[in-house]
Amino acid sequence: MTSFSGEIYVKVDDVKGSVVKPAAYVGWIAASSITWPGGDSLRGGRISGKFFPDFTDGTVYLTCTSGLHTPSLLHSAAQGRHIKSIQIHLIHPKITIRALIEDVLVAVRLKSDRTEEVEFAAAKGTASR
């Protein structure tokens, strides 16, 4: 299992934004950690952290819909649906990882401490360090 924590940003589907200034764009998610089975194959894993973007778009399944400042990452109806892609950019004191995960099946759990865990299974995915 590969696990990193640090400054992690996740961009969903075709939401416009820059990996350099992710917080400036809706659709970006700041996460506290990401884990996957290891190596450069990203066919499954988990992203954990506090999710804060506030936008809804019918073409993007990863949306924030519940509560003020306590968004749920997915509409409940979207649980288990596929999204086109997830981009991950991680800045770690010793390593930088960029990943593109495509054709993703996502499940989300909202935990009692108001963080969310995203588990994903992907048809294909690549990571570069």
C-alpha atoms as a PDB file:
ATOM      1  CA  MET A   1       0.000   0.000   0.000  1.00  0.00           C
ATOM      2  CA  THR A   2       1.336   3.410  -0.986  1.00  0.00           C
ATOM      3  CA  SER A   3       0.287   6.277   1.236  1.00  0.00           C
ATOM      4  CA  PHE A   4       1.224   9.945   1.176  1.00  0.00           C
ATOM      5  CA  SER A   5       0.051  12.979   3.020  1.00  0.00           C
ATOM      6  CA  GLY A   6       0.912  16.572   2.410  1.00  0.00           C
ATOM      7  CA  GLU A   7      -0.481  19.257   0.156  1.00  0.00           C
ATOM      8  CA  ILE A   8      -2.840  17.247  -2.015  1.00  0.00           C
ATOM      9  CA  TYR A   9      -5.286  18.597  -4.553  1.00  0.00           C
ATOM     10  CA  VAL A  10      -7.795  16.646  -6.574  1.00  0.00           C
ATOM     11  CA  LYS A  11      -9.467  17.975  -9.715  1.00  0.00           C
ATOM     12  CA  VAL A  12     -12.567  16.269 -11.041  1.00  0.00           C
ATOM     13  CA  ASP A  13     -13.563  15.791 -14.664  1.00  0.00           C
ATOM     14  CA  ASP A  14     -13.305  18.831 -16.924  1.00  0.00           C
ATOM     15  CA  VAL A  15     -13.707  21.507 -14.270  1.00  0.00           C
ATOM     16  CA  LYS A  16     -11.441  24.365 -15.275  1.00  0.00           C
ATOM     17  CA  GLY A  17      -8.605  25.202 -12.964  1.00  0.00           C
ATOM     18  CA  SER A  18      -4.885  25.346 -12.487  1.00  0.00           C
ATOM     19  CA  VAL A  19      -2.840  22.885 -10.501  1.00  0.00           C
ATOM     20  CA  VAL A  20      -0.674  25.826  -9.467  1.00  0.00           C
ATOM     21  CA  LYS A  21      -3.517  27.648  -7.715  1.00  0.00           C
ATOM     22  CA  PRO A  22      -6.122  24.962  -7.074  1.00  0.00           C
ATOM     23  CA  ALA A  23      -7.869  26.755  -4.227  1.00  0.00           C
ATOM     24  CA  ALA A  24      -8.817  29.548  -6.625  1.00  0.00           C
ATOM     25  CA  TYR A  25     -11.129  27.292  -8.600  1.00  0.00           C
ATOM     26  CA  VAL A  26     -14.279  25.465  -7.618  1.00  0.00           C
ATOM     27  CA  GLY A  27     -14.057  21.757  -8.179  1.00  0.00           C
ATOM     28  CA  TRP A  28     -10.752  21.383  -6.431  1.00  0.00           C
ATOM     29  CA  ILE A  29     -10.573  19.361  -3.225  1.00  0.00           C
ATOM     30  CA  ALA A  30      -7.914  19.653  -0.553  1.00  0.00           C
ATOM     31  CA  ALA A  31      -7.257  16.244   0.957  1.00  0.00           C
ATOM     32  CA  SER A  32      -5.171  15.121   3.888  1.00  0.00           C
ATOM     33  CA  SER A  33      -3.984  11.791   2.505  1.00  0.00           C
ATOM     34  CA  ILE A  34      -4.212   9.415  -0.421  1.00  0.00           C
ATOM     35  CA  THR A  35      -3.512   5.707  -0.454  1.00  0.00           C
ATOM     36  CA  TRP A  36      -3.460   3.123  -3.212  1.00  0.00           C
ATOM     37  CA  PRO A  37      -2.132  -0.421  -3.637  1.00  0.00           C
ATOM     38  CA  GLY A  38       1.264   0.795  -4.813  1.00  0.00           C
ATOM     39  CA  GLY A  39       3.433   1.381  -7.829  1.00  0.00           C
ATOM     40  CA  ASP A  40       2.320   3.405 -10.817  1.00  0.00           C
ATOM     41  CA  SER A  41      -0.992   1.600 -11.275  1.00  0.00           C
ATOM     42  CA  LEU A  42      -3.914   3.538  -9.820  1.00  0.00           C
ATOM     43  CA  ARG A  43      -6.749   1.067 -10.134  1.00  0.00           C
ATOM     44  CA  GLY A  44      -8.091   1.692  -6.664  1.00  0.00           C
ATOM     45  CA  GLY A  45      -7.432   3.579  -3.490  1.00  0.00           C
ATOM     46  CA  ARG A  46      -8.711   6.078  -1.003  1.00  0.00           C
ATOM     47  CA  ILE A  47      -8.587   9.852  -0.680  1.00  0.00           C
ATOM     48  CA  SER A  48      -9.289  11.255   2.782  1.00  0.00           C
ATOM     49  CA  GLY A  49      -9.643  14.843   3.861  1.00  0.00           C
ATOM     50  CA  LYS A  50     -11.867  17.857   4.214  1.00  0.00           C
ATOM     51  CA  PHE A  51     -13.676  18.716   1.008  1.00  0.00           C
ATOM     52  CA  PHE A  52     -14.704  22.286   0.428  1.00  0.00           C
ATOM     53  CA  PRO A  53     -15.575  23.207  -3.177  1.00  0.00           C
ATOM     54  CA  ASP A  54     -19.075  24.552  -3.605  1.00  0.00           C
ATOM     55  CA  PHE A  55     -20.505  23.982  -7.049  1.00  0.00           C
ATOM     56  CA  THR A  56     -22.994  21.754  -8.783  1.00  0.00           C
ATOM     57  CA  ASP A  57     -22.935  20.812 -12.436  1.00  0.00           C
ATOM     58  CA  GLY A  58     -25.017  18.125 -14.046  1.00  0.00           C
ATOM     59  CA  THR A  59     -22.071  16.946 -16.106  1.00  0.00           C
ATOM     60  CA  VAL A  60     -19.806  16.444 -13.097  1.00  0.00           C
ATOM     61  CA  TYR A  61     -20.787  13.826 -10.555  1.00  0.00           C
ATOM     62  CA  LEU A  62     -18.377  15.004  -7.872  1.00  0.00           C
ATOM     63  CA  THR A  63     -20.411  17.867  -6.504  1.00  0.00           C
ATOM     64  CA  CYS A  64     -21.106  19.460  -3.146  1.00  0.00           C
ATOM     65  CA  THR A  65     -24.722  19.501  -2.112  1.00  0.00           C
ATOM     66  CA  SER A  66     -25.351  19.279   1.626  1.00  0.00           C
ATOM     67  CA  GLY A  67     -25.079  21.866   4.358  1.00  0.00           C
ATOM     68  CA  LEU A  68     -23.250  25.142   4.664  1.00  0.00           C
ATOM     69  CA  HIS A  69     -19.489  24.622   4.567  1.00  0.00           C
ATOM     70  CA  THR A  70     -20.045  20.909   5.200  1.00  0.00           C
ATOM     71  CA  PRO A  71     -20.600  19.629   1.691  1.00  0.00           C
ATOM     72  CA  SER A  72     -21.197  16.074   0.652  1.00  0.00           C
ATOM     73  CA  LEU A  73     -18.908  15.231  -2.222  1.00  0.00           C
ATOM     74  CA  LEU A  74     -21.525  13.325  -4.184  1.00  0.00           C
ATOM     75  CA  HIS A  75     -25.243  13.514  -4.680  1.00  0.00           C
ATOM     76  CA  SER A  76     -26.593  10.398  -2.993  1.00  0.00           C
ATOM     77  CA  ALA A  77     -28.063   9.420  -6.345  1.00  0.00           C
ATOM     78  CA  ALA A  78     -24.581   9.457  -7.854  1.00  0.00           C
ATOM     79  CA  GLN A  79     -23.175   6.851  -5.451  1.00  0.00           C
ATOM     80  CA  GLY A  80     -21.545   4.110  -7.437  1.00  0.00           C
ATOM     81  CA  ARG A  81     -21.681   5.975 -10.755  1.00  0.00           C
ATOM     82  CA  HIS A  82     -18.768   6.478 -13.064  1.00  0.00           C
ATOM     83  CA  ILE A  83     -17.031   9.765 -13.631  1.00  0.00           C
ATOM     84  CA  LYS A  84     -14.707  10.440 -16.511  1.00  0.00           C
ATOM     85  CA  SER A  85     -11.509  11.253 -14.714  1.00  0.00           C
ATOM     86  CA  ILE A  86      -9.851  12.420 -11.532  1.00  0.00           C
ATOM     87  CA  GLN A  87      -6.589  14.332 -11.545  1.00  0.00           C
ATOM     88  CA  ILE A  88      -4.426  14.223  -8.451  1.00  0.00           C
ATOM     89  CA  HIS A  89      -1.538  16.549  -7.724  1.00  0.00           C
ATOM     90  CA  LEU A  90       0.394  15.944  -4.515  1.00  0.00           C
ATOM     91  CA  ILE A  91       3.184  18.140  -3.218  1.00  0.00           C
ATOM     92  CA  HIS A  92       5.126  16.318  -0.521  1.00  0.00           C
ATOM     93  CA  PRO A  93       8.330  17.454   1.187  1.00  0.00           C
ATOM     94  CA  LYS A  94      10.237  14.690  -0.576  1.00  0.00           C
ATOM     95  CA  ILE A  95       8.156  13.785  -3.599  1.00  0.00           C
ATOM     96  CA  THR A  96       5.741  15.223  -6.147  1.00  0.00           C
ATOM     97  CA  ILE A  97       3.091  12.980  -7.616  1.00  0.00           C
ATOM     98  CA  ARG A  98       0.774  13.763 -10.485  1.00  0.00           C
ATOM     99  CA  ALA A  99      -1.856  11.235 -11.396  1.00  0.00           C
ATOM    100  CA  LEU A 100      -4.690  10.866 -13.864  1.00  0.00           C
ATOM    101  CA  ILE A 101      -7.314   8.291 -13.024  1.00  0.00           C
ATOM    102  CA  GLU A 102      -9.832   7.538 -15.756  1.00  0.00           C
ATOM    103  CA  ASP A 103     -13.243   5.868 -15.908  1.00  0.00           C
ATOM    104  CA  VAL A 104     -13.711   5.977 -12.161  1.00  0.00           C
ATOM    105  CA  LEU A 105     -16.276   4.286  -9.962  1.00  0.00           C
ATOM    106  CA  VAL A 106     -16.529   6.273  -6.738  1.00  0.00           C
ATOM    107  CA  ALA A 107     -18.043   5.641  -3.319  1.00  0.00           C
ATOM    108  CA  VAL A 108     -18.096   8.297  -0.619  1.00  0.00           C
ATOM    109  CA  ARG A 109     -18.608   8.072   3.128  1.00  0.00           C
ATOM    110  CA  LEU A 110     -19.145  11.092   5.351  1.00  0.00           C
ATOM    111  CA  LYS A 111     -17.460  10.386   8.681  1.00  0.00           C
ATOM    112  CA  SER A 112     -18.562  11.614  12.088  1.00  0.00           C
ATOM    113  CA  ASP A 113     -15.780  14.210  12.213  1.00  0.00           C
ATOM    114  CA  ARG A 114     -17.158  15.748   9.005  1.00  0.00           C
ATOM    115  CA  THR A 115     -14.339  14.520   6.840  1.00  0.00           C
ATOM    116  CA  GLU A 116     -15.057  12.394   3.826  1.00  0.00           C
ATOM    117  CA  GLU A 117     -13.412   9.280   2.489  1.00  0.00           C
ATOM    118  CA  VAL A 118     -13.500   8.626  -1.229  1.00  0.00           C
ATOM    119  CA  GLU A 119     -12.806   5.090  -2.355  1.00  0.00           C
ATOM    120  CA  PHE A 120     -12.246   4.640  -6.048  1.00  0.00           C
ATOM    121  CA  ALA A 121     -11.835   1.823  -8.511  1.00  0.00           C
ATOM    122  CA  ALA A 122     -10.587   2.818 -11.933  1.00  0.00           C
ATOM    123  CA  ALA A 123     -10.347   1.187 -15.326  1.00  0.00           C
ATOM    124  CA  LYS A 124      -6.896   2.671 -15.704  1.00  0.00           C
ATOM    125  CA  GLY A 125      -4.675   5.169 -14.033  1.00  0.00           C
ATOM    126  CA  THR A 126      -1.148   6.452 -14.177  1.00  0.00           C
ATOM    127  CA  ALA A 127       1.080   8.259 -11.740  1.00  0.00           C
ATOM    128  CA  SER A 128       4.278  10.164 -12.289  1.00  0.00           C
ATOM    129  CA  ARG A 129       6.752  11.188  -9.621  1.00  0.00           C
END
